[in-house]
Every structure is written in structure tokens, then in C-alpha cells.
C-alpha atoms as a PDB file:
ATOM      1  CA  MET A   1     -63.180  29.450  32.819  1.00  0.00           C
ATOM      2  CA  TYR A   2     -60.757  30.602  34.955  1.00  0.00           C
ATOM      3  CA  GLU A   3     -63.278  32.602  37.208  1.00  0.00           C
ATOM      4  CA  LEU A   4     -64.939  29.363  37.878  1.00  0.00           C
ATOM      5  CA  ASP A   5     -61.412  27.494  38.327  1.00  0.00           C
ATOM      6  CA  VAL A   6     -60.572  29.905  41.546  1.00  0.00           C
ATOM      7  CA  VAL A   7     -64.031  32.206  42.368  1.00  0.00           C
ATOM      8  CA  SER A   8     -62.826  35.460  43.635  1.00  0.00           C
ATOM      9  CA  PRO A   9     -64.929  38.582  44.326  1.00  0.00           C
ATOM     10  CA  ASP A  10     -65.363  39.570  40.536  1.00  0.00           C
ATOM     11  CA  SER A  11     -66.082  35.589  39.271  1.00  0.00           C
ATOM     12  CA  LEU A  12     -69.996  36.628  39.395  1.00  0.00           C
ATOM     13  CA  GLY A  13     -69.998  39.670  36.518  1.00  0.00           C
ATOM     14  CA  ARG A  14     -66.931  37.949  34.878  1.00  0.00           C
ATOM     15  CA  PHE A  15     -69.104  34.493  34.339  1.00  0.00           C
ATOM     16  CA  VAL A  16     -72.387  36.085  33.626  1.00  0.00           C
ATOM     17  CA  TYR A  17     -70.626  38.178  31.081  1.00  0.00           C
ATOM     18  CA  ARG A  18     -68.588  35.466  29.050  1.00  0.00           C
ATOM     19  CA  TRP A  19     -72.013  33.485  29.386  1.00  0.00           C
ATOM     20  CA  TYR A  20     -74.470  35.352  28.301  1.00  0.00           C
ATOM     21  CA  GLY A  21     -72.898  38.130  26.738  1.00  0.00           C
ATOM     22  CA  PRO A  22     -72.825  41.746  27.249  1.00  0.00           C
ATOM     23  CA  PRO A  23     -75.602  43.381  28.747  1.00  0.00           C
ATOM     24  CA  ASP A  24     -78.630  44.624  26.706  1.00  0.00           C
ATOM     25  CA  ARG A  25     -79.915  47.051  29.217  1.00  0.00           C
ATOM     26  CA  SER A  26     -78.692  50.348  30.509  1.00  0.00           C
ATOM     27  CA  PRO A  27     -78.156  50.790  33.897  1.00  0.00           C
ATOM     28  CA  VAL A  28     -81.731  52.026  35.590  1.00  0.00           C
ATOM     29  CA  ARG A  29     -81.898  53.784  39.084  1.00  0.00           C
ATOM     30  CA  ASP A  30     -84.437  51.748  40.802  1.00  0.00           C
ATOM     31  CA  PRO A  31     -85.235  54.358  44.037  1.00  0.00           C
ATOM     32  CA  ASP A  32     -86.096  51.535  45.909  1.00  0.00           C
ATOM     33  CA  TRP A  33     -83.092  49.001  45.037  1.00  0.00           C
ATOM     34  CA  PRO A  34     -80.452  48.574  45.976  1.00  0.00           C
ATOM     35  CA  PRO A  35     -81.079  50.025  49.114  1.00  0.00           C
ATOM     36  CA  ASP A  36     -78.365  52.792  50.133  1.00  0.00           C
ATOM     37  CA  LEU A  37     -75.464  50.578  52.211  1.00  0.00           C
ATOM     38  CA  SER A  38     -74.827  53.445  54.634  1.00  0.00           C
ATOM     39  CA  GLU A  39     -78.240  53.980  55.924  1.00  0.00           C
ATOM     40  CA  PRO A  40     -78.688  51.118  58.979  1.00  0.00           C
ATOM     41  CA  GLY A  41     -82.329  50.442  57.902  1.00  0.00           C
ATOM     42  CA  GLY A  42     -81.410  49.258  54.260  1.00  0.00           C
ATOM     43  CA  ALA A  43     -78.916  47.299  55.084  1.00  0.00           C
ATOM     44  CA  VAL A  44     -78.019  44.539  52.163  1.00  0.00           C
ATOM     45  CA  PRO A  45     -74.765  42.665  51.668  1.00  0.00           C
ATOM     46  CA  GLU A  46     -72.898  43.432  49.038  1.00  0.00           C
ATOM     47  CA  ALA A  47     -72.458  40.824  46.986  1.00  0.00           C
ATOM     48  CA  LEU A  48     -76.680  40.564  47.159  1.00  0.00           C
ATOM     49  CA  VAL A  49     -76.429  43.790  45.898  1.00  0.00           C
ATOM     50  CA  GLU A  50     -74.192  43.349  43.427  1.00  0.00           C
ATOM     51  CA  TRP A  51     -76.721  40.446  41.736  1.00  0.00           C
ATOM     52  CA  HIS A  52     -79.737  42.381  41.517  1.00  0.00           C
ATOM     53  CA  ARG A  53     -77.610  45.224  39.828  1.00  0.00           C
ATOM     54  CA  LEU A  54     -75.993  42.569  37.498  1.00  0.00           C
ATOM     55  CA  ALA A  55     -79.915  40.942  36.473  1.00  0.00           C
ATOM     56  CA  GLY A  56     -81.337  44.530  36.051  1.00  0.00           C
ATOM     57  CA  ARG A  57     -78.531  44.870  33.038  1.00  0.00           C
ATOM     58  CA  TYR A  58     -79.911  41.791  31.543  1.00  0.00           C
ATOM     59  CA  THR A  59     -83.521  41.424  29.528  1.00  0.00           C
ATOM     60  CA  TYR A  60     -83.100  37.372  30.045  1.00  0.00           C
ATOM     61  CA  PRO A  61     -83.477  35.912  33.598  1.00  0.00           C
ATOM     62  CA  LEU A  62     -80.170  34.886  35.728  1.00  0.00           C
ATOM     63  CA  SER A  63     -82.496  32.821  37.794  1.00  0.00           C
ATOM     64  CA  ARG A  64     -85.163  30.770  36.088  1.00  0.00           C
ATOM     65  CA  ASP A  65     -84.902  27.579  37.978  1.00  0.00           C
ATOM     66  CA  HIS A  66     -85.324  29.111  41.324  1.00  0.00           C
ATOM     67  CA  VAL A  67     -86.639  33.089  42.257  1.00  0.00           C
ATOM     68  CA  MET A  68     -83.590  35.638  43.334  1.00  0.00           C
ATOM     69  CA  LEU A  69     -85.640  37.409  45.839  1.00  0.00           C
ATOM     70  CA  ARG A  70     -84.574  41.063  47.355  1.00  0.00           C
ATOM     71  CA  PRO A  71     -84.487  40.839  50.801  1.00  0.00           C
ATOM     72  CA  ASP A  72     -87.279  41.705  53.421  1.00  0.00           C
ATOM     73  CA  GLY A  73     -86.929  41.964  56.940  1.00  0.00           C
ATOM     74  CA  GLY A  74     -86.606  38.312  57.630  1.00  0.00           C
ATOM     75  CA  ARG A  75     -88.572  35.529  59.061  1.00  0.00           C
ATOM     76  CA  ASN A  76     -86.673  34.886  62.705  1.00  0.00           C
ATOM     77  CA  GLY A  77     -83.650  36.634  62.141  1.00  0.00           C
ATOM     78  CA  MET A  78     -83.052  34.779  58.687  1.00  0.00           C
ATOM     79  CA  VAL A  79     -82.951  37.004  55.373  1.00  0.00           C
ATOM     80  CA  ARG A  80     -84.609  34.201  52.751  1.00  0.00           C
ATOM     81  CA  PHE A  81     -82.949  35.585  48.899  1.00  0.00           C
ATOM     82  CA  TRP A  82     -83.005  32.516  46.954  1.00  0.00           C
ATOM     83  CA  GLU A  83     -86.040  29.901  46.495  1.00  0.00           C
ATOM     84  CA  GLY A  84     -87.141  27.088  44.707  1.00  0.00           C
ATOM     85  CA  ALA A  85     -90.226  25.042  44.892  1.00  0.00           C
ATOM     86  CA  ASP A  86     -88.777  22.558  47.722  1.00  0.00           C
ATOM     87  CA  ASP A  87     -85.803  24.214  49.151  1.00  0.00           C
ATOM     88  CA  TRP A  88     -84.470  28.432  50.343  1.00  0.00           C
ATOM     89  CA  TYR A  89     -81.560  29.826  50.986  1.00  0.00           C
ATOM     90  CA  SER A  90     -80.922  32.160  53.683  1.00  0.00           C
ATOM     91  CA  TYR A  91     -78.385  34.025  55.999  1.00  0.00           C
ATOM     92  CA  ASP A  92     -78.413  35.284  59.284  1.00  0.00           C
ATOM     93  CA  ASN A  93     -79.518  39.197  59.449  1.00  0.00           C
ATOM     94  CA  GLY A  94     -78.231  39.111  62.911  1.00  0.00           C
ATOM     95  CA  ALA A  95     -74.794  37.885  62.097  1.00  0.00           C
ATOM     96  CA  PHE A  96     -74.433  40.486  59.037  1.00  0.00           C
ATOM     97  CA  ARG A  97     -75.423  43.544  61.124  1.00  0.00           C
ATOM     98  CA  SER A  98     -73.165  42.252  63.962  1.00  0.00           C
ATOM     99  CA  GLY A  99     -70.161  43.039  61.586  1.00  0.00           C
ATOM    100  CA  VAL A 100     -69.828  40.058  59.210  1.00  0.00           C
ATOM    101  CA  LEU A 101     -70.213  41.225  55.631  1.00  0.00           C
ATOM    102  CA  ASP A 102     -70.312  37.970  53.906  1.00  0.00           C
ATOM    103  CA  PRO A 103     -72.531  35.839  56.208  1.00  0.00           C
ATOM    104  CA  GLU A 104     -72.789  32.234  55.412  1.00  0.00           C
ATOM    105  CA  VAL A 105     -76.036  30.966  54.183  1.00  0.00           C
ATOM    106  CA  ILE A 106     -78.485  28.974  55.543  1.00  0.00           C
ATOM    107  CA  GLU A 107     -80.230  26.096  53.831  1.00  0.00           C
ATOM    108  CA  ASN A 108     -83.879  26.068  54.982  1.00  0.00           C
ATOM    109  CA  ASP A 109     -83.235  27.762  57.522  1.00  0.00           C
ATOM    110  CA  GLU A 110     -81.498  25.532  59.745  1.00  0.00           C
ATOM    111  CA  LEU A 111     -78.530  23.692  57.668  1.00  0.00           C
ATOM    112  CA  PRO A 112     -75.473  25.682  57.517  1.00  0.00           C
ATOM    113  CA  THR A 113     -73.924  25.204  54.430  1.00  0.00           C
ATOM    114  CA  GLY A 114     -70.355  26.322  54.940  1.00  0.00           C
ATOM    115  CA  VAL A 115     -70.290  28.710  51.968  1.00  0.00           C
ATOM    116  CA  SER A 116     -70.393  32.479  52.127  1.00  0.00           C
ATOM    117  CA  LEU A 117     -72.607  34.486  50.605  1.00  0.00           C
ATOM    118  CA  SER A 118     -70.530  35.912  47.832  1.00  0.00           C
ATOM    119  CA  ARG A 119     -69.906  32.635  46.914  1.00  0.00           C
ATOM    120  CA  PHE A 120     -72.512  30.946  47.055  1.00  0.00           C
ATOM    121  CA  LEU A 121     -73.942  33.508  44.408  1.00  0.00           C
ATOM    122  CA  VAL A 122     -71.713  32.034  41.943  1.00  0.00           C
ATOM    123  CA  TYR A 123     -72.807  28.750  42.649  1.00  0.00           C
ATOM    124  CA  ALA A 124     -76.434  30.031  42.274  1.00  0.00           C
ATOM    125  CA  ALA A 125     -75.384  31.850  38.274  1.00  0.00           C
ATOM    126  CA  VAL A 126     -73.910  28.544  37.753  1.00  0.00           C
ATOM    127  CA  TYR A 127     -76.576  26.127  38.454  1.00  0.00           C
ATOM    128  CA  GLU A 128     -79.309  28.598  36.837  1.00  0.00           C
ATOM    129  CA  ALA A 129     -76.995  28.161  33.176  1.00  0.00           C
ATOM    130  CA  THR A 130     -76.621  24.697  34.154  1.00  0.00           C
ATOM    131  CA  TYR A 131     -80.608  23.449  35.329  1.00  0.00           C
ATOM    132  CA  ALA A 132     -82.227  25.814  33.125  1.00  0.00           C
ATOM    133  CA  PRO A 133     -80.341  26.528  29.986  1.00  0.00           C
ATOM    134  CA  LEU A 134     -81.992  27.432  26.321  1.00  0.00           C
ATOM    135  CA  HIS A 135     -79.717  24.536  24.998  1.00  0.00           C
ATOM    136  CA  GLY A 136     -79.346  21.402  27.158  1.00  0.00           C
ATOM    137  CA  LEU A 137     -79.290  17.823  27.340  1.00  0.00           C
ATOM    138  CA  VAL A 138     -80.049  15.311  30.606  1.00  0.00           C
ATOM    139  CA  LEU A 139     -79.312  11.952  31.273  1.00  0.00           C
ATOM    140  CA  MET A 140     -80.670  10.274  34.480  1.00  0.00           C
ATOM    141  CA  ASN A 141     -78.852   7.232  36.135  1.00  0.00           C
ATOM    142  CA  PRO A 142     -76.624   6.899  33.826  1.00  0.00           C
ATOM    143  CA  ALA A 143     -74.465   3.649  32.837  1.00  0.00           C
ATOM    144  CA  ALA A 144     -70.950   4.041  34.032  1.00  0.00           C
ATOM    145  CA  GLU A 145     -69.561   4.126  30.688  1.00  0.00           C
ATOM    146  CA  GLN A 146     -71.989   6.624  29.617  1.00  0.00           C
ATOM    147  CA  LEU A 147     -70.787   8.800  32.612  1.00  0.00           C
ATOM    148  CA  ARG A 148     -66.974   8.113  31.984  1.00  0.00           C
ATOM    149  CA  GLY A 149     -67.918   9.302  28.140  1.00  0.00           C
ATOM    150  CA  VAL A 150     -68.982  12.509  28.839  1.00  0.00           C
ATOM    151  CA  LYS A 151     -66.488  13.196  31.784  1.00  0.00           C
ATOM    152  CA  VAL A 152     -63.599  12.686  28.961  1.00  0.00           C
ATOM    153  CA  ARG A 153     -64.898  15.551  26.833  1.00  0.00           C
ATOM    154  CA  LEU A 154     -64.825  17.676  30.140  1.00  0.00           C
ATOM    155  CA  ARG A 155     -63.276  19.474  32.314  1.00  0.00           C
ATOM    156  CA  GLU A 156     -63.624  19.338  35.951  1.00  0.00           C
ATOM    157  CA  LEU A 157     -63.681  23.135  37.757  1.00  0.00           C
ATOM    158  CA  ASP A 158     -60.959  23.145  40.186  1.00  0.00           C
ATOM    159  CA  ASP A 159     -62.486  25.154  43.009  1.00  0.00           C
ATOM    160  CA  GLY A 160     -64.019  23.367  46.060  1.00  0.00           C
ATOM    161  CA  LEU A 161     -67.022  25.240  45.815  1.00  0.00           C
ATOM    162  CA  TRP A 162     -67.966  23.107  43.047  1.00  0.00           C
ATOM    163  CA  GLN A 163     -67.852  19.833  44.827  1.00  0.00           C
ATOM    164  CA  TRP A 164     -70.691  21.424  47.068  1.00  0.00           C
ATOM    165  CA  PRO A 165     -73.359  19.976  48.428  1.00  0.00           C
ATOM    166  CA  ASP A 166     -72.465  16.735  47.708  1.00  0.00           C
ATOM    167  CA  PRO A 167     -68.846  15.522  46.436  1.00  0.00           C
ATOM    168  CA  ASP A 168     -69.900  12.774  44.044  1.00  0.00           C
ATOM    169  CA  VAL A 169     -72.071  15.308  41.947  1.00  0.00           C
ATOM    170  CA  ARG A 170     -69.339  17.485  40.742  1.00  0.00           C
ATOM    171  CA  TYR A 171     -69.399  20.642  38.212  1.00  0.00           C
ATOM    172  CA  TYR A 172     -67.190  20.275  34.780  1.00  0.00           C
ATOM    173  CA  GLY A 173     -66.765  22.977  31.833  1.00  0.00           C
ATOM    174  CA  ASP A 174     -65.151  24.725  29.511  1.00  0.00           C
ATOM    175  CA  ASP A 175     -65.778  28.225  27.697  1.00  0.00           C
ATOM    176  CA  ASP A 176     -68.633  26.767  25.416  1.00  0.00           C
ATOM    177  CA  LEU A 177     -70.570  23.838  28.051  1.00  0.00           C
ATOM    178  CA  LEU A 178     -70.878  23.826  31.851  1.00  0.00           C
ATOM    179  CA  ALA A 179     -72.220  19.921  32.850  1.00  0.00           C
ATOM    180  CA  HIS A 180     -73.386  18.739  36.394  1.00  0.00           C
ATOM    181  CA  LEU A 181     -72.547  14.998  36.850  1.00  0.00           C
ATOM    182  CA  GLY A 182     -72.590  12.242  39.181  1.00  0.00           C
ATOM    183  CA  PRO A 183     -73.969   8.849  39.147  1.00  0.00           C
ATOM    184  CA  ASP A 184     -77.699   9.499  38.918  1.00  0.00           C
ATOM    185  CA  ARG A 185     -77.331  12.358  36.594  1.00  0.00           C
ATOM    186  CA  VAL A 186     -75.902  14.162  33.523  1.00  0.00           C
ATOM    187  CA  VAL A 187     -76.753  17.623  33.463  1.00  0.00           C
ATOM    188  CA  ILE A 188     -75.370  19.284  30.357  1.00  0.00           C
ATOM    189  CA  ALA A 189     -75.512  23.190  29.354  1.00  0.00           C
ATOM    190  CA  GLY A 190     -74.236  24.827  26.200  1.00  0.00           C
ATOM    191  CA  ARG A 191     -73.830  28.186  25.309  1.00  0.00           C
ATOM    192  CA  HIS A 192     -74.962  27.334  21.923  1.00  0.00           C
ATOM    193  CA  ARG A 193     -76.541  24.870  20.338  1.00  0.00           C
ATOM    194  CA  ASP A 194     -73.586  23.164  18.463  1.00  0.00           C
ATOM    195  CA  ALA A 195     -71.414  23.213  21.586  1.00  0.00           C
ATOM    196  CA  LEU A 196     -73.963  20.131  22.513  1.00  0.00           C
ATOM    197  CA  GLY A 197     -72.580  18.177  19.252  1.00  0.00           C
ATOM    198  CA  ARG A 198     -69.274  17.110  21.263  1.00  0.00           C
ATOM    199  CA  PHE A 199     -71.695  14.387  22.703  1.00  0.00           C
ATOM    200  CA  ASP A 200     -73.393  12.973  19.525  1.00  0.00           C
ATOM    201  CA  GLY A 201     -70.815  10.243  18.944  1.00  0.00           C
ATOM    202  CA  LEU A 202     -71.889   8.456  22.489  1.00  0.00           C
ATOM    203  CA  ALA A 203     -75.306   7.064  21.306  1.00  0.00           C
ATOM    204  CA  ILE A 204     -77.034   8.492  24.365  1.00  0.00           C
ATOM    205  CA  ASP A 205     -80.606   8.083  24.146  1.00  0.00           C
ATOM    206  CA  TRP A 206     -80.926  11.473  26.234  1.00  0.00           C
ATOM    207  CA  ASP A 207     -84.107  12.041  28.505  1.00  0.00           C
ATOM    208  CA  TRP A 208     -84.126  15.768  27.091  1.00  0.00           C
ATOM    209  CA  ASP A 209     -82.420  17.332  24.656  1.00  0.00           C
ATOM    210  CA  THR A 210     -83.387  20.974  23.632  1.00  0.00           C
ATOM    211  CA  ARG A 211     -82.541  19.929  20.075  1.00  0.00           C
ATOM    212  CA  THR A 212     -85.234  17.981  19.612  1.00  0.00           C
ATOM    213  CA  LEU A 213     -88.086  19.851  21.183  1.00  0.00           C
END
């Protein structure tokens, strides 16, 4: 889990490999993607090219709750790259073309996040693994003792990224589990079904438990 404790340029690839396992697809050259970064008309931030290149190596989609878009020409100078039902995330294409190679991510085209694109893509990968898991548990509005019981079975991730966007709701995890925990939620994902057994002794009536579906 060190790749999440200290988010660095190789954290995305290391996390995806550790969480989902080795790629199950051979690299395939799409003539239309990724664009040639040396061509002025096809320039896209390198971090976003890497996301799509990595996602193409896996049959299982890396983005399932939101949609990871291939950048187009942008809208009003904003290039949208990750989109949910009620939110979307973009970067300022003008800033990127002016030399900001790792531009800041903007929420809903108007709210600066303070997070660079390369770091945000690591956040997106962890968000997707946590909120759209094959194996997971959810409890909304937990009692204080329920929240404490879950927290003591996990370790908070060190990097300040995991306190975004609300410091009261933070990411926790280890090799087999991820969790997003706060006063209003307990959201847990496991790499495999048995990992969820760590919380069986808490006698929580989960709102959602993939083992009972």
C-alpha cells in the first residue's frame, strides 16, 4: 500500500497491478489513441494518456461508477476527462498548452480542486475500486461506536490526497482492503470476498453486503 501512502508518478500503475492483478490483455496499438504527444493538434497530458493505455490492458473496466472519457477539443477551454451522473472533472486546456504539463483538475468546470491531474487519476482509480467493487460493504450514517470499530481494523492512508475533498471523510486501507470512512458513511471494498470477514465480529447490519446478494 506504499504507493498510496506516498503518491508518486508510478502510483497509478502500481496500485492497479496490486489491486486487479497482472494485465489480461496484450498491448494493442489504436491508431487514434493515444495521440502523438509530439503533434500540436494531438497533445494530451501524459498522465491521462497513461490512464487509457493502462485501462486498455484490462478486460475489467478500471472506471465503473464514473466514465473516463477520451479528451476531445474541450468546452470553453475546459477538457472533460472523468464524468459521473452529477459531477464531472476537467482541466484547463489553455494552461496545459501554455506549458503546465500536469494541470490542476477543475470540478464541474468552475471549482478548482487544488489537485494536479496525475495525482487526481490515482484518486479516481482508488475511488472506483472502493465505490464500485466486486466485494464490498456499505453502512450509511453509522453510529460512533460502529465507525470506531471499523477504523481500528484499518490504517489511514498517509498522503494528504486522501483527505480530499472533505477532511472528515478519509481513505483507509491495506493490501486487501480499501475504505472511505466518515461520520456519514462506511464504504469498504475487498480485493477478495474473504477480506470482508475482518468486520464480521462487529455485529453491524450492513445496508449493502455483496456476500448476501
